[in-house]
PDB file of N, CA and C in Angstrom:
ATOM      1  N   GLN A   1      -6.040 -20.416   0.566  1.00  0.00           N
ATOM      2  CA  GLN A   1      -5.253 -19.669   1.528  1.00  0.00           C
ATOM      3  C   GLN A   1      -5.301 -18.175   1.205  1.00  0.00           C
ATOM      4  N   VAL A   2      -4.867 -17.390   2.165  1.00  0.00           N
ATOM      5  CA  VAL A   2      -4.904 -15.948   1.991  1.00  0.00           C
ATOM      6  C   VAL A   2      -3.736 -15.495   1.127  1.00  0.00           C
ATOM      7  N   GLN A   3      -4.034 -14.635   0.157  1.00  0.00           N
ATOM      8  CA  GLN A   3      -2.991 -14.047  -0.674  1.00  0.00           C
ATOM      9  C   GLN A   3      -3.247 -12.557  -0.850  1.00  0.00           C
ATOM     10  N   LEU A   4      -2.191 -11.792  -0.693  1.00  0.00           N
ATOM     11  CA  LEU A   4      -2.189 -10.379  -1.075  1.00  0.00           C
ATOM     12  C   LEU A   4      -1.092 -10.226  -2.116  1.00  0.00           C
ATOM     13  N   VAL A   5      -1.458  -9.749  -3.288  1.00  0.00           N
ATOM     14  CA  VAL A   5      -0.504  -9.653  -4.383  1.00  0.00           C
ATOM     15  C   VAL A   5      -0.405  -8.199  -4.829  1.00  0.00           C
ATOM     16  N   GLU A   6       0.772  -7.642  -4.615  1.00  0.00           N
ATOM     17  CA  GLU A   6       1.017  -6.263  -5.050  1.00  0.00           C
ATOM     18  C   GLU A   6       1.509  -6.244  -6.484  1.00  0.00           C
ATOM     19  N   SER A   7       1.199  -5.175  -7.178  1.00  0.00           N
ATOM     20  CA  SER A   7       1.690  -4.977  -8.533  1.00  0.00           C
ATOM     21  C   SER A   7       1.746  -3.480  -8.816  1.00  0.00           C
ATOM     22  N   GLY A   8       2.417  -3.114  -9.913  1.00  0.00           N
ATOM     23  CA  GLY A   8       2.456  -1.726 -10.328  1.00  0.00           C
ATOM     24  C   GLY A   8       3.750  -1.003 -10.025  1.00  0.00           C
ATOM     25  N   GLY A   9       4.674  -1.663  -9.349  1.00  0.00           N
ATOM     26  CA  GLY A   9       5.944  -1.022  -9.079  1.00  0.00           C
ATOM     27  C   GLY A   9       6.797  -0.930 -10.336  1.00  0.00           C
ATOM     28  N   GLY A  10       7.916  -0.216 -10.204  1.00  0.00           N
ATOM     29  CA  GLY A  10       8.820  -0.082 -11.330  1.00  0.00           C
ATOM     30  C   GLY A  10       9.763   1.083 -11.149  1.00  0.00           C
ATOM     31  N   LEU A  11      10.403   1.446 -12.254  1.00  0.00           N
ATOM     32  CA  LEU A  11      11.348   2.557 -12.283  1.00  0.00           C
ATOM     33  C   LEU A  11      10.648   3.779 -12.864  1.00  0.00           C
ATOM     34  N   VAL A  12      10.740   4.899 -12.153  1.00  0.00           N
ATOM     35  CA  VAL A  12      10.109   6.134 -12.608  1.00  0.00           C
ATOM     36  C   VAL A  12      11.028   7.296 -12.318  1.00  0.00           C
ATOM     37  N   GLN A  13      10.959   8.323 -13.136  1.00  0.00           N
ATOM     38  CA  GLN A  13      11.775   9.507 -12.932  1.00  0.00           C
ATOM     39  C   GLN A  13      11.188  10.378 -11.822  1.00  0.00           C
ATOM     40  N   PRO A  14      12.029  11.165 -11.169  1.00  0.00           N
ATOM     41  CA  PRO A  14      11.506  12.102 -10.170  1.00  0.00           C
ATOM     42  C   PRO A  14      10.422  12.986 -10.769  1.00  0.00           C
ATOM     43  N   GLY A  15       9.362  13.176  -9.993  1.00  0.00           N
ATOM     44  CA  GLY A  15       8.210  13.940 -10.466  1.00  0.00           C
ATOM     45  C   GLY A  15       7.157  13.094 -11.141  1.00  0.00           C
ATOM     46  N   GLY A  16       7.478  11.841 -11.400  1.00  0.00           N
ATOM     47  CA  GLY A  16       6.548  10.954 -12.074  1.00  0.00           C
ATOM     48  C   GLY A  16       5.524  10.337 -11.139  1.00  0.00           C
ATOM     49  N   SER A  17       4.708   9.447 -11.706  1.00  0.00           N
ATOM     50  CA  SER A  17       3.621   8.820 -10.963  1.00  0.00           C
ATOM     51  C   SER A  17       3.623   7.314 -11.182  1.00  0.00           C
ATOM     52  N   LEU A  18       3.113   6.613 -10.192  1.00  0.00           N
ATOM     53  CA  LEU A  18       2.857   5.178 -10.277  1.00  0.00           C
ATOM     54  C   LEU A  18       1.592   4.890  -9.494  1.00  0.00           C
ATOM     55  N   ARG A  19       0.902   3.832  -9.891  1.00  0.00           N
ATOM     56  CA  ARG A  19      -0.229   3.349  -9.105  1.00  0.00           C
ATOM     57  C   ARG A  19       0.020   1.896  -8.736  1.00  0.00           C
ATOM     58  N   LEU A  20       0.101   1.649  -7.452  1.00  0.00           N
ATOM     59  CA  LEU A  20       0.254   0.290  -6.946  1.00  0.00           C
ATOM     60  C   LEU A  20      -1.120  -0.310  -6.693  1.00  0.00           C
ATOM     61  N   SER A  21      -1.204  -1.620  -6.912  1.00  0.00           N
ATOM     62  CA  SER A  21      -2.433  -2.362  -6.626  1.00  0.00           C
ATOM     63  C   SER A  21      -2.125  -3.480  -5.646  1.00  0.00           C
ATOM     64  N   CYS A  22      -3.111  -3.818  -4.853  1.00  0.00           N
ATOM     65  CA  CYS A  22      -3.012  -4.925  -3.905  1.00  0.00           C
ATOM     66  C   CYS A  22      -4.276  -5.763  -4.065  1.00  0.00           C
ATOM     67  N   ALA A  23      -4.144  -6.906  -4.694  1.00  0.00           N
ATOM     68  CA  ALA A  23      -5.281  -7.786  -4.941  1.00  0.00           C
ATOM     69  C   ALA A  23      -5.326  -8.870  -3.877  1.00  0.00           C
ATOM     70  N   ALA A  24      -6.465  -8.984  -3.216  1.00  0.00           N
ATOM     71  CA  ALA A  24      -6.604  -9.928  -2.109  1.00  0.00           C
ATOM     72  C   ALA A  24      -7.488 -11.105  -2.497  1.00  0.00           C
ATOM     73  N   SER A  25      -7.156 -12.269  -1.946  1.00  0.00           N
ATOM     74  CA  SER A  25      -7.996 -13.445  -2.093  1.00  0.00           C
ATOM     75  C   SER A  25      -7.912 -14.255  -0.809  1.00  0.00           C
ATOM     76  N   GLY A  26      -8.955 -15.044  -0.556  1.00  0.00           N
ATOM     77  CA  GLY A  26      -8.958 -15.891   0.635  1.00  0.00           C
ATOM     78  C   GLY A  26      -9.430 -15.209   1.890  1.00  0.00           C
ATOM     79  N   ILE A  27      -9.828 -13.942   1.794  1.00  0.00           N
ATOM     80  CA  ILE A  27     -10.371 -13.219   2.940  1.00  0.00           C
ATOM     81  C   ILE A  27     -11.624 -12.469   2.509  1.00  0.00           C
ATOM     82  N   THR A  28     -12.439 -12.085   3.488  1.00  0.00           N
ATOM     83  CA  THR A  28     -13.551 -11.179   3.200  1.00  0.00           C
ATOM     84  C   THR A  28     -12.972  -9.780   3.237  1.00  0.00           C
ATOM     85  N   PHE A  29     -12.601  -9.315   2.076  1.00  0.00           N
ATOM     86  CA  PHE A  29     -11.777  -8.109   1.949  1.00  0.00           C
ATOM     87  C   PHE A  29     -12.412  -6.913   2.660  1.00  0.00           C
ATOM     88  N   SER A  30     -13.713  -6.786   2.572  1.00  0.00           N
ATOM     89  CA  SER A  30     -14.378  -5.599   3.113  1.00  0.00           C
ATOM     90  C   SER A  30     -14.347  -5.537   4.636  1.00  0.00           C
ATOM     91  N   TYR A  31     -13.899  -6.589   5.299  1.00  0.00           N
ATOM     92  CA  TYR A  31     -13.789  -6.594   6.750  1.00  0.00           C
ATOM     93  C   TYR A  31     -12.464  -6.003   7.244  1.00  0.00           C
ATOM     94  N   TYR A  32     -11.514  -5.822   6.326  1.00  0.00           N
ATOM     95  CA  TYR A  32     -10.145  -5.526   6.706  1.00  0.00           C
ATOM     96  C   TYR A  32      -9.762  -4.073   6.425  1.00  0.00           C
ATOM     97  N   ALA A  33      -9.050  -3.472   7.387  1.00  0.00           N
ATOM     98  CA  ALA A  33      -8.330  -2.246   7.082  1.00  0.00           C
ATOM     99  C   ALA A  33      -7.112  -2.621   6.227  1.00  0.00           C
ATOM    100  N   ILE A  34      -6.766  -1.743   5.311  1.00  0.00           N
ATOM    101  CA  ILE A  34      -5.620  -1.980   4.435  1.00  0.00           C
ATOM    102  C   ILE A  34      -4.583  -0.891   4.663  1.00  0.00           C
ATOM    103  N   ARG A  35      -3.353  -1.311   4.785  1.00  0.00           N
ATOM    104  CA  ARG A  35      -2.242  -0.382   4.952  1.00  0.00           C
ATOM    105  C   ARG A  35      -1.167  -0.654   3.905  1.00  0.00           C
ATOM    106  N   TRP A  36      -0.557   0.395   3.470  1.00  0.00           N
ATOM    107  CA  TRP A  36       0.656   0.294   2.652  1.00  0.00           C
ATOM    108  C   TRP A  36       1.842   0.703   3.515  1.00  0.00           C
ATOM    109  N   TYR A  37       2.846  -0.148   3.508  1.00  0.00           N
ATOM    110  CA  TYR A  37       4.116   0.119   4.172  1.00  0.00           C
ATOM    111  C   TYR A  37       5.201   0.170   3.102  1.00  0.00           C
ATOM    112  N   ARG A  38       6.335   0.705   3.471  1.00  0.00           N
ATOM    113  CA  ARG A  38       7.495   0.654   2.592  1.00  0.00           C
ATOM    114  C   ARG A  38       8.757   0.453   3.420  1.00  0.00           C
ATOM    115  N   GLN A  39       9.752  -0.130   2.774  1.00  0.00           N
ATOM    116  CA  GLN A  39      11.037  -0.346   3.436  1.00  0.00           C
ATOM    117  C   GLN A  39      12.145  -0.075   2.441  1.00  0.00           C
ATOM    118  N   ALA A  40      12.927   0.929   2.760  1.00  0.00           N
ATOM    119  CA  ALA A  40      14.088   1.272   1.953  1.00  0.00           C
ATOM    120  C   ALA A  40      15.291   0.508   2.485  1.00  0.00           C
ATOM    121  N   PRO A  41      16.331   0.341   1.660  1.00  0.00           N
ATOM    122  CA  PRO A  41      17.534  -0.372   2.114  1.00  0.00           C
ATOM    123  C   PRO A  41      18.104   0.247   3.393  1.00  0.00           C
ATOM    124  N   ARG A  42      18.400  -0.618   4.347  1.00  0.00           N
ATOM    125  CA  ARG A  42      19.033  -0.226   5.605  1.00  0.00           C
ATOM    126  C   ARG A  42      18.139   0.685   6.449  1.00  0.00           C
ATOM    127  N   LYS A  43      16.845   0.665   6.191  1.00  0.00           N
ATOM    128  CA  LYS A  43      15.910   1.437   7.002  1.00  0.00           C
ATOM    129  C   LYS A  43      14.792   0.531   7.516  1.00  0.00           C
ATOM    130  N   GLU A  44      14.133   0.990   8.571  1.00  0.00           N
ATOM    131  CA  GLU A  44      13.022   0.227   9.131  1.00  0.00           C
ATOM    132  C   GLU A  44      11.786   0.390   8.241  1.00  0.00           C
ATOM    133  N   ARG A  45      10.883  -0.590   8.350  1.00  0.00           N
ATOM    134  CA  ARG A  45       9.634  -0.522   7.603  1.00  0.00           C
ATOM    135  C   ARG A  45       8.818   0.665   8.115  1.00  0.00           C
ATOM    136  N   GLU A  46       8.232   1.401   7.194  1.00  0.00           N
ATOM    137  CA  GLU A  46       7.525   2.642   7.508  1.00  0.00           C
ATOM    138  C   GLU A  46       6.077   2.536   7.032  1.00  0.00           C
ATOM    139  N   LEU A  47       5.133   2.931   7.905  1.00  0.00           N
ATOM    140  CA  LEU A  47       3.724   2.982   7.496  1.00  0.00           C
ATOM    141  C   LEU A  47       3.516   4.195   6.601  1.00  0.00           C
ATOM    142  N   VAL A  48       2.966   3.969   5.415  1.00  0.00           N
ATOM    143  CA  VAL A  48       2.773   5.034   4.438  1.00  0.00           C
ATOM    144  C   VAL A  48       1.341   5.558   4.455  1.00  0.00           C
ATOM    145  N   ALA A  49       0.371   4.633   4.406  1.00  0.00           N
ATOM    146  CA  ALA A  49      -1.024   5.063   4.306  1.00  0.00           C
ATOM    147  C   ALA A  49      -1.946   3.953   4.786  1.00  0.00           C
ATOM    148  N   THR A  50      -3.112   4.367   5.288  1.00  0.00           N
ATOM    149  CA  THR A  50      -4.126   3.444   5.805  1.00  0.00           C
ATOM    150  C   THR A  50      -5.485   3.828   5.236  1.00  0.00           C
ATOM    151  N   VAL A  51      -6.285   2.817   4.902  1.00  0.00           N
ATOM    152  CA  VAL A  51      -7.679   3.051   4.527  1.00  0.00           C
ATOM    153  C   VAL A  51      -8.549   2.096   5.339  1.00  0.00           C
ATOM    154  N   GLY A  52      -9.644   2.622   5.891  1.00  0.00           N
ATOM    155  CA  GLY A  52     -10.553   1.807   6.680  1.00  0.00           C
ATOM    156  C   GLY A  52     -11.288   0.789   5.828  1.00  0.00           C
ATOM    157  N   SER A  53     -11.990  -0.107   6.505  1.00  0.00           N
ATOM    158  CA  SER A  53     -12.620  -1.222   5.807  1.00  0.00           C
ATOM    159  C   SER A  53     -13.661  -0.761   4.785  1.00  0.00           C
ATOM    160  N   ALA A  54     -14.361   0.323   5.092  1.00  0.00           N
ATOM    161  CA  ALA A  54     -15.377   0.817   4.170  1.00  0.00           C
ATOM    162  C   ALA A  54     -14.815   1.834   3.188  1.00  0.00           C
ATOM    163  N   GLY A  55     -13.588   2.236   3.396  1.00  0.00           N
ATOM    164  CA  GLY A  55     -12.947   3.183   2.484  1.00  0.00           C
ATOM    165  C   GLY A  55     -13.156   4.633   2.819  1.00  0.00           C
ATOM    166  N   GLY A  56     -13.906   4.904   3.888  1.00  0.00           N
ATOM    167  CA  GLY A  56     -14.224   6.296   4.173  1.00  0.00           C
ATOM    168  C   GLY A  56     -13.170   7.043   4.949  1.00  0.00           C
ATOM    169  N   SER A  57     -12.300   6.322   5.648  1.00  0.00           N
ATOM    170  CA  SER A  57     -11.284   6.999   6.451  1.00  0.00           C
ATOM    171  C   SER A  57      -9.906   6.641   5.932  1.00  0.00           C
ATOM    172  N   THR A  58      -9.069   7.646   5.818  1.00  0.00           N
ATOM    173  CA  THR A  58      -7.707   7.448   5.339  1.00  0.00           C
ATOM    174  C   THR A  58      -6.733   8.225   6.212  1.00  0.00           C
ATOM    175  N   ASN A  59      -5.529   7.732   6.290  1.00  0.00           N
ATOM    176  CA  ASN A  59      -4.452   8.426   7.003  1.00  0.00           C
ATOM    177  C   ASN A  59      -3.163   8.246   6.227  1.00  0.00           C
ATOM    178  N   TYR A  60      -2.278   9.245   6.364  1.00  0.00           N
ATOM    179  CA  TYR A  60      -1.036   9.245   5.610  1.00  0.00           C
ATOM    180  C   TYR A  60       0.138   9.651   6.486  1.00  0.00           C
ATOM    181  N   ALA A  61       1.293   9.115   6.161  1.00  0.00           N
ATOM    182  CA  ALA A  61       2.527   9.607   6.763  1.00  0.00           C
ATOM    183  C   ALA A  61       2.755  11.040   6.281  1.00  0.00           C
ATOM    184  N   ASP A  62       3.354  11.837   7.139  1.00  0.00           N
ATOM    185  CA  ASP A  62       3.611  13.237   6.773  1.00  0.00           C
ATOM    186  C   ASP A  62       4.443  13.337   5.497  1.00  0.00           C
ATOM    187  N   SER A  63       5.325  12.366   5.300  1.00  0.00           N
ATOM    188  CA  SER A  63       6.246  12.416   4.161  1.00  0.00           C
ATOM    189  C   SER A  63       5.543  12.238   2.815  1.00  0.00           C
ATOM    190  N   VAL A  64       4.304  11.741   2.816  1.00  0.00           N
ATOM    191  CA  VAL A  64       3.607  11.496   1.544  1.00  0.00           C
ATOM    192  C   VAL A  64       2.304  12.274   1.427  1.00  0.00           C
ATOM    193  N   LYS A  65       1.915  12.984   2.464  1.00  0.00           N
ATOM    194  CA  LYS A  65       0.659  13.748   2.412  1.00  0.00           C
ATOM    195  C   LYS A  65       0.654  14.719   1.248  1.00  0.00           C
ATOM    196  N   GLY A  66      -0.472  14.736   0.539  1.00  0.00           N
ATOM    197  CA  GLY A  66      -0.604  15.624  -0.614  1.00  0.00           C
ATOM    198  C   GLY A  66      -0.041  15.050  -1.893  1.00  0.00           C
ATOM    199  N   ARG A  67       0.690  13.943  -1.800  1.00  0.00           N
ATOM    200  CA  ARG A  67       1.274  13.321  -2.998  1.00  0.00           C
ATOM    201  C   ARG A  67       0.698  11.929  -3.262  1.00  0.00           C
ATOM    202  N   PHE A  68       0.407  11.192  -2.208  1.00  0.00           N
ATOM    203  CA  PHE A  68      -0.095   9.819  -2.331  1.00  0.00           C
ATOM    204  C   PHE A  68      -1.576   9.778  -1.957  1.00  0.00           C
ATOM    205  N   THR A  69      -2.307   8.876  -2.602  1.00  0.00           N
ATOM    206  CA  THR A  69      -3.712   8.655  -2.283  1.00  0.00           C
ATOM    207  C   THR A  69      -3.982   7.165  -2.186  1.00  0.00           C
ATOM    208  N   ILE A  70      -4.526   6.751  -1.050  1.00  0.00           N
ATOM    209  CA  ILE A  70      -4.891   5.350  -0.864  1.00  0.00           C
ATOM    210  C   ILE A  70      -6.391   5.216  -1.106  1.00  0.00           C
ATOM    211  N   SER A  71      -6.773   4.111  -1.737  1.00  0.00           N
ATOM    212  CA  SER A  71      -8.188   3.869  -2.004  1.00  0.00           C
ATOM    213  C   SER A  71      -8.414   2.362  -2.076  1.00  0.00           C
ATOM    214  N   ARG A  72      -9.672   1.978  -2.174  1.00  0.00           N
ATOM    215  CA  ARG A  72      -9.989   0.560  -2.280  1.00  0.00           C
ATOM    216  C   ARG A  72     -11.285   0.387  -3.047  1.00  0.00           C
ATOM    217  N   ASP A  73     -11.411  -0.776  -3.657  1.00  0.00           N
ATOM    218  CA  ASP A  73     -12.631  -1.177  -4.347  1.00  0.00           C
ATOM    219  C   ASP A  73     -13.011  -2.536  -3.777  1.00  0.00           C
ATOM    220  N   ASN A  74     -13.948  -2.535  -2.848  1.00  0.00           N
ATOM    221  CA  ASN A  74     -14.305  -3.789  -2.176  1.00  0.00           C
ATOM    222  C   ASN A  74     -14.971  -4.778  -3.131  1.00  0.00           C
ATOM    223  N   ALA A  75     -15.583  -4.286  -4.171  1.00  0.00           N
ATOM    224  CA  ALA A  75     -16.200  -5.184  -5.149  1.00  0.00           C
ATOM    225  C   ALA A  75     -15.143  -5.969  -5.932  1.00  0.00           C
ATOM    226  N   LYS A  76     -13.946  -5.385  -6.037  1.00  0.00           N
ATOM    227  CA  LYS A  76     -12.848  -6.037  -6.763  1.00  0.00           C
ATOM    228  C   LYS A  76     -11.810  -6.639  -5.831  1.00  0.00           C
ATOM    229  N   ASN A  77     -12.042  -6.530  -4.511  1.00  0.00           N
ATOM    230  CA  ASN A  77     -11.070  -7.057  -3.535  1.00  0.00           C
ATOM    231  C   ASN A  77      -9.676  -6.488  -3.773  1.00  0.00           C
ATOM    232  N   THR A  78      -9.617  -5.225  -4.076  1.00  0.00           N
ATOM    233  CA  THR A  78      -8.352  -4.593  -4.446  1.00  0.00           C
ATOM    234  C   THR A  78      -8.210  -3.229  -3.779  1.00  0.00           C
ATOM    235  N   ALA A  79      -7.002  -2.962  -3.331  1.00  0.00           N
ATOM    236  CA  ALA A  79      -6.660  -1.645  -2.811  1.00  0.00           C
ATOM    237  C   ALA A  79      -5.589  -1.036  -3.701  1.00  0.00           C
ATOM    238  N   TYR A  80      -5.493   0.292  -3.628  1.00  0.00           N
ATOM    239  CA  TYR A  80      -4.589   1.007  -4.509  1.00  0.00           C
ATOM    240  C   TYR A  80      -3.788   2.049  -3.729  1.00  0.00           C
ATOM    241  N   LEU A  81      -2.637   2.377  -4.279  1.00  0.00           N
ATOM    242  CA  LEU A  81      -1.873   3.504  -3.774  1.00  0.00           C
ATOM    243  C   LEU A  81      -1.423   4.308  -4.988  1.00  0.00           C
ATOM    244  N   GLN A  82      -2.054   5.458  -5.185  1.00  0.00           N
ATOM    245  CA  GLN A  82      -1.669   6.362  -6.260  1.00  0.00           C
ATOM    246  C   GLN A  82      -0.556   7.256  -5.745  1.00  0.00           C
ATOM    247  N   MET A  83       0.567   7.220  -6.419  1.00  0.00           N
ATOM    248  CA  MET A  83       1.741   7.965  -5.981  1.00  0.00           C
ATOM    249  C   MET A  83       2.112   8.987  -7.047  1.00  0.00           C
ATOM    250  N   ASN A  84       2.009  10.259  -6.696  1.00  0.00           N
ATOM    251  CA  ASN A  84       2.345  11.344  -7.605  1.00  0.00           C
ATOM    252  C   ASN A  84       3.530  12.127  -7.075  1.00  0.00           C
ATOM    253  N   SER A  85       4.122  12.930  -7.948  1.00  0.00           N
ATOM    254  CA  SER A  85       5.262  13.775  -7.567  1.00  0.00           C
ATOM    255  C   SER A  85       6.315  12.968  -6.823  1.00  0.00           C
ATOM    256  N   LEU A  86       6.668  11.843  -7.383  1.00  0.00           N
ATOM    257  CA  LEU A  86       7.589  10.929  -6.708  1.00  0.00           C
ATOM    258  C   LEU A  86       8.971  11.538  -6.572  1.00  0.00           C
ATOM    259  N   LYS A  87       9.607  11.196  -5.456  1.00  0.00           N
ATOM    260  CA  LYS A  87      10.938  11.691  -5.123  1.00  0.00           C
ATOM    261  C   LYS A  87      11.894  10.513  -4.976  1.00  0.00           C
ATOM    262  N   PRO A  88      13.189  10.738  -5.138  1.00  0.00           N
ATOM    263  CA  PRO A  88      14.139   9.634  -4.936  1.00  0.00           C
ATOM    264  C   PRO A  88      13.999   8.980  -3.562  1.00  0.00           C
ATOM    265  N   GLU A  89      13.637   9.744  -2.562  1.00  0.00           N
ATOM    266  CA  GLU A  89      13.490   9.176  -1.210  1.00  0.00           C
ATOM    267  C   GLU A  89      12.252   8.295  -1.063  1.00  0.00           C
ATOM    268  N   ASP A  90      11.418   8.227  -2.093  1.00  0.00           N
ATOM    269  CA  ASP A  90      10.290   7.290  -2.086  1.00  0.00           C
ATOM    270  C   ASP A  90      10.718   5.888  -2.534  1.00  0.00           C
ATOM    271  N   THR A  91      11.958   5.767  -2.979  1.00  0.00           N
ATOM    272  CA  THR A  91      12.465   4.469  -3.416  1.00  0.00           C
ATOM    273  C   THR A  91      12.435   3.469  -2.263  1.00  0.00           C
ATOM    274  N   ALA A  92      11.767   2.344  -2.482  1.00  0.00           N
ATOM    275  CA  ALA A  92      11.609   1.334  -1.429  1.00  0.00           C
ATOM    276  C   ALA A  92      10.846   0.148  -2.002  1.00  0.00           C
ATOM    277  N   VAL A  93      10.798  -0.910  -1.226  1.00  0.00           N
ATOM    278  CA  VAL A  93       9.852  -1.988  -1.495  1.00  0.00           C
ATOM    279  C   VAL A  93       8.558  -1.639  -0.759  1.00  0.00           C
ATOM    280  N   TYR A  94       7.465  -1.673  -1.481  1.00  0.00           N
ATOM    281  CA  TYR A  94       6.157  -1.322  -0.927  1.00  0.00           C
ATOM    282  C   TYR A  94       5.357  -2.590  -0.665  1.00  0.00           C
ATOM    283  N   TYR A  95       4.810  -2.663   0.543  1.00  0.00           N
ATOM    284  CA  TYR A  95       4.063  -3.846   0.990  1.00  0.00           C
ATOM    285  C   TYR A  95       2.628  -3.476   1.329  1.00  0.00           C
ATOM    286  N   CYS A  96       1.741  -4.383   0.991  1.00  0.00           N
ATOM    287  CA  CYS A  96       0.334  -4.256   1.344  1.00  0.00           C
ATOM    288  C   CYS A  96       0.066  -5.116   2.583  1.00  0.00           C
ATOM    289  N   ASN A  97      -0.732  -4.580   3.496  1.00  0.00           N
ATOM    290  CA  ASN A  97      -1.091  -5.299   4.723  1.00  0.00           C
ATOM    291  C   ASN A  97      -2.597  -5.220   4.928  1.00  0.00           C
ATOM    292  N   ALA A  98      -3.194  -6.355   5.266  1.00  0.00           N
ATOM    293  CA  ALA A  98      -4.619  -6.410   5.603  1.00  0.00           C
ATOM    294  C   ALA A  98      -4.738  -6.840   7.055  1.00  0.00           C
ATOM    295  N   GLN A  99      -5.536  -6.112   7.833  1.00  0.00           N
ATOM    296  CA  GLN A  99      -5.631  -6.403   9.260  1.00  0.00           C
ATOM    297  C   GLN A  99      -7.050  -6.171   9.769  1.00  0.00           C
ATOM    298  N   ARG A 100      -7.465  -7.072  10.680  1.00  0.00           N
ATOM    299  CA  ARG A 100      -8.731  -6.869  11.368  1.00  0.00           C
ATOM    300  C   ARG A 100      -8.644  -7.521  12.726  1.00  0.00           C
ATOM    301  N   PHE A 101      -9.535  -7.140  13.628  1.00  0.00           N
ATOM    302  CA  PHE A 101      -9.601  -7.767  14.934  1.00  0.00           C
ATOM    303  C   PHE A 101     -11.003  -8.329  15.128  1.00  0.00           C
ATOM    304  N   SER A 102     -11.081  -9.638  15.379  1.00  0.00           N
ATOM    305  CA  SER A 102     -12.331 -10.298  15.706  1.00  0.00           C
ATOM    306  C   SER A 102     -11.993 -11.428  16.662  1.00  0.00           C
ATOM    307  N   LEU A 103     -12.049 -11.152  17.930  1.00  0.00           N
ATOM    308  CA  LEU A 103     -11.621 -12.060  19.007  1.00  0.00           C
ATOM    309  C   LEU A 103     -10.108 -12.231  19.024  1.00  0.00           C
ATOM    310  N   LYS A 104      -9.492 -12.130  17.870  1.00  0.00           N
ATOM    311  CA  LYS A 104      -8.032 -12.137  17.777  1.00  0.00           C
ATOM    312  C   LYS A 104      -7.654 -11.297  16.552  1.00  0.00           C
ATOM    313  N   TRP A 105      -6.354 -11.036  16.437  1.00  0.00           N
ATOM    314  CA  TRP A 105      -5.874 -10.275  15.281  1.00  0.00           C
ATOM    315  C   TRP A 105      -5.693 -11.198  14.089  1.00  0.00           C
ATOM    316  N   TYR A 106      -6.137 -10.711  12.947  1.00  0.00           N
ATOM    317  CA  TYR A 106      -5.855 -11.346  11.675  1.00  0.00           C
ATOM    318  C   TYR A 106      -4.998 -10.359  10.883  1.00  0.00           C
ATOM    319  N   ASP A 107      -3.841 -10.816  10.436  1.00  0.00           N
ATOM    320  CA  ASP A 107      -2.836  -9.900   9.892  1.00  0.00           C
ATOM    321  C   ASP A 107      -2.133 -10.595   8.737  1.00  0.00           C
ATOM    322  N   TYR A 108      -2.241 -10.027   7.534  1.00  0.00           N
ATOM    323  CA  TYR A 108      -1.683 -10.646   6.338  1.00  0.00           C
ATOM    324  C   TYR A 108      -0.857  -9.635   5.551  1.00  0.00           C
ATOM    325  N   TRP A 109       0.180 -10.166   4.893  1.00  0.00           N
ATOM    326  CA  TRP A 109       1.107  -9.319   4.131  1.00  0.00           C
ATOM    327  C   TRP A 109       1.273  -9.846   2.710  1.00  0.00           C
ATOM    328  N   GLY A 110       1.513  -8.910   1.807  1.00  0.00           N
ATOM    329  CA  GLY A 110       1.920  -9.282   0.464  1.00  0.00           C
ATOM    330  C   GLY A 110       3.428  -9.450   0.391  1.00  0.00           C
ATOM    331  N   GLN A 111       3.902  -9.795  -0.800  1.00  0.00           N
ATOM    332  CA  GLN A 111       5.317 -10.079  -0.990  1.00  0.00           C
ATOM    333  C   GLN A 111       6.130  -8.825  -1.302  1.00  0.00           C
ATOM    334  N   GLY A 112       5.447  -7.742  -1.613  1.00  0.00           N
ATOM    335  CA  GLY A 112       6.128  -6.481  -1.881  1.00  0.00           C
ATOM    336  C   GLY A 112       6.351  -6.224  -3.356  1.00  0.00           C
ATOM    337  N   THR A 113       6.438  -4.941  -3.700  1.00  0.00           N
ATOM    338  CA  THR A 113       6.753  -4.532  -5.065  1.00  0.00           C
ATOM    339  C   THR A 113       7.757  -3.383  -5.001  1.00  0.00           C
ATOM    340  N   GLN A 114       8.771  -3.456  -5.836  1.00  0.00           N
ATOM    341  CA  GLN A 114       9.854  -2.475  -5.806  1.00  0.00           C
ATOM    342  C   GLN A 114       9.451  -1.205  -6.549  1.00  0.00           C
ATOM    343  N   VAL A 115       9.675  -0.081  -5.906  1.00  0.00           N
ATOM    344  CA  VAL A 115       9.505   1.228  -6.533  1.00  0.00           C
ATOM    345  C   VAL A 115      10.855   1.924  -6.492  1.00  0.00           C
ATOM    346  N   THR A 116      11.338   2.324  -7.658  1.00  0.00           N
ATOM    347  CA  THR A 116      12.612   3.018  -7.749  1.00  0.00           C
ATOM    348  C   THR A 116      12.393   4.350  -8.454  1.00  0.00           C
ATOM    349  N   VAL A 117      12.763   5.424  -7.776  1.00  0.00           N
ATOM    350  CA  VAL A 117      12.620   6.765  -8.340  1.00  0.00           C
ATOM    351  C   VAL A 117      14.020   7.297  -8.615  1.00  0.00           C
ATOM    352  N   SER A 118      14.340   7.415  -9.896  1.00  0.00           N
ATOM    353  CA  SER A 118      15.694   7.800 -10.273  1.00  0.00           C
ATOM    354  C   SER A 118      15.699   8.354 -11.684  1.00  0.00           C
ATOM    355  N   SER A 119      16.608   9.291 -11.921  1.00  0.00           N
ATOM    356  CA  SER A 119      16.756   9.830 -13.267  1.00  0.00           C
ATOM    357  C   SER A 119      17.855   9.080 -14.013  1.00  0.00           C
TER     358      SER A 119
END
C-alpha cells in the first residue's frame, strides 16, 4: 500500500533550523508532485511549498519564501523541506502530500510531524 512517512520535526528555538523528510513507498515517486502543508491549532491547513515531479520547479507560500527550501531525491523516493530562520508562527503539524493526474487524481497524505518553535 501507499505510505508517506514524515520525519524530522521537533522543538527548536526561534531562528533555528529543521529539515523535514517525506519518505514514500508504494508509488512511482518520480511521477508525483510533492507538497508540504501545515496546520496550526485552530487554523486551516496551509500550502507551504510545492516541488514538481522532476524537481525543477518549486513554489512557496509568501510566509516562508527565502527561509524554506523544498527539494526531492527521486532515487531515494524522498522529499525534503529545509526550514531556516524559524519563527514561532511556523509552529504547526507539517504534512507531506503526493499528487498526480492520470485519467484520475491520485492523492496521498502522510500522518504529519509536529514542529514547535519556542524559546
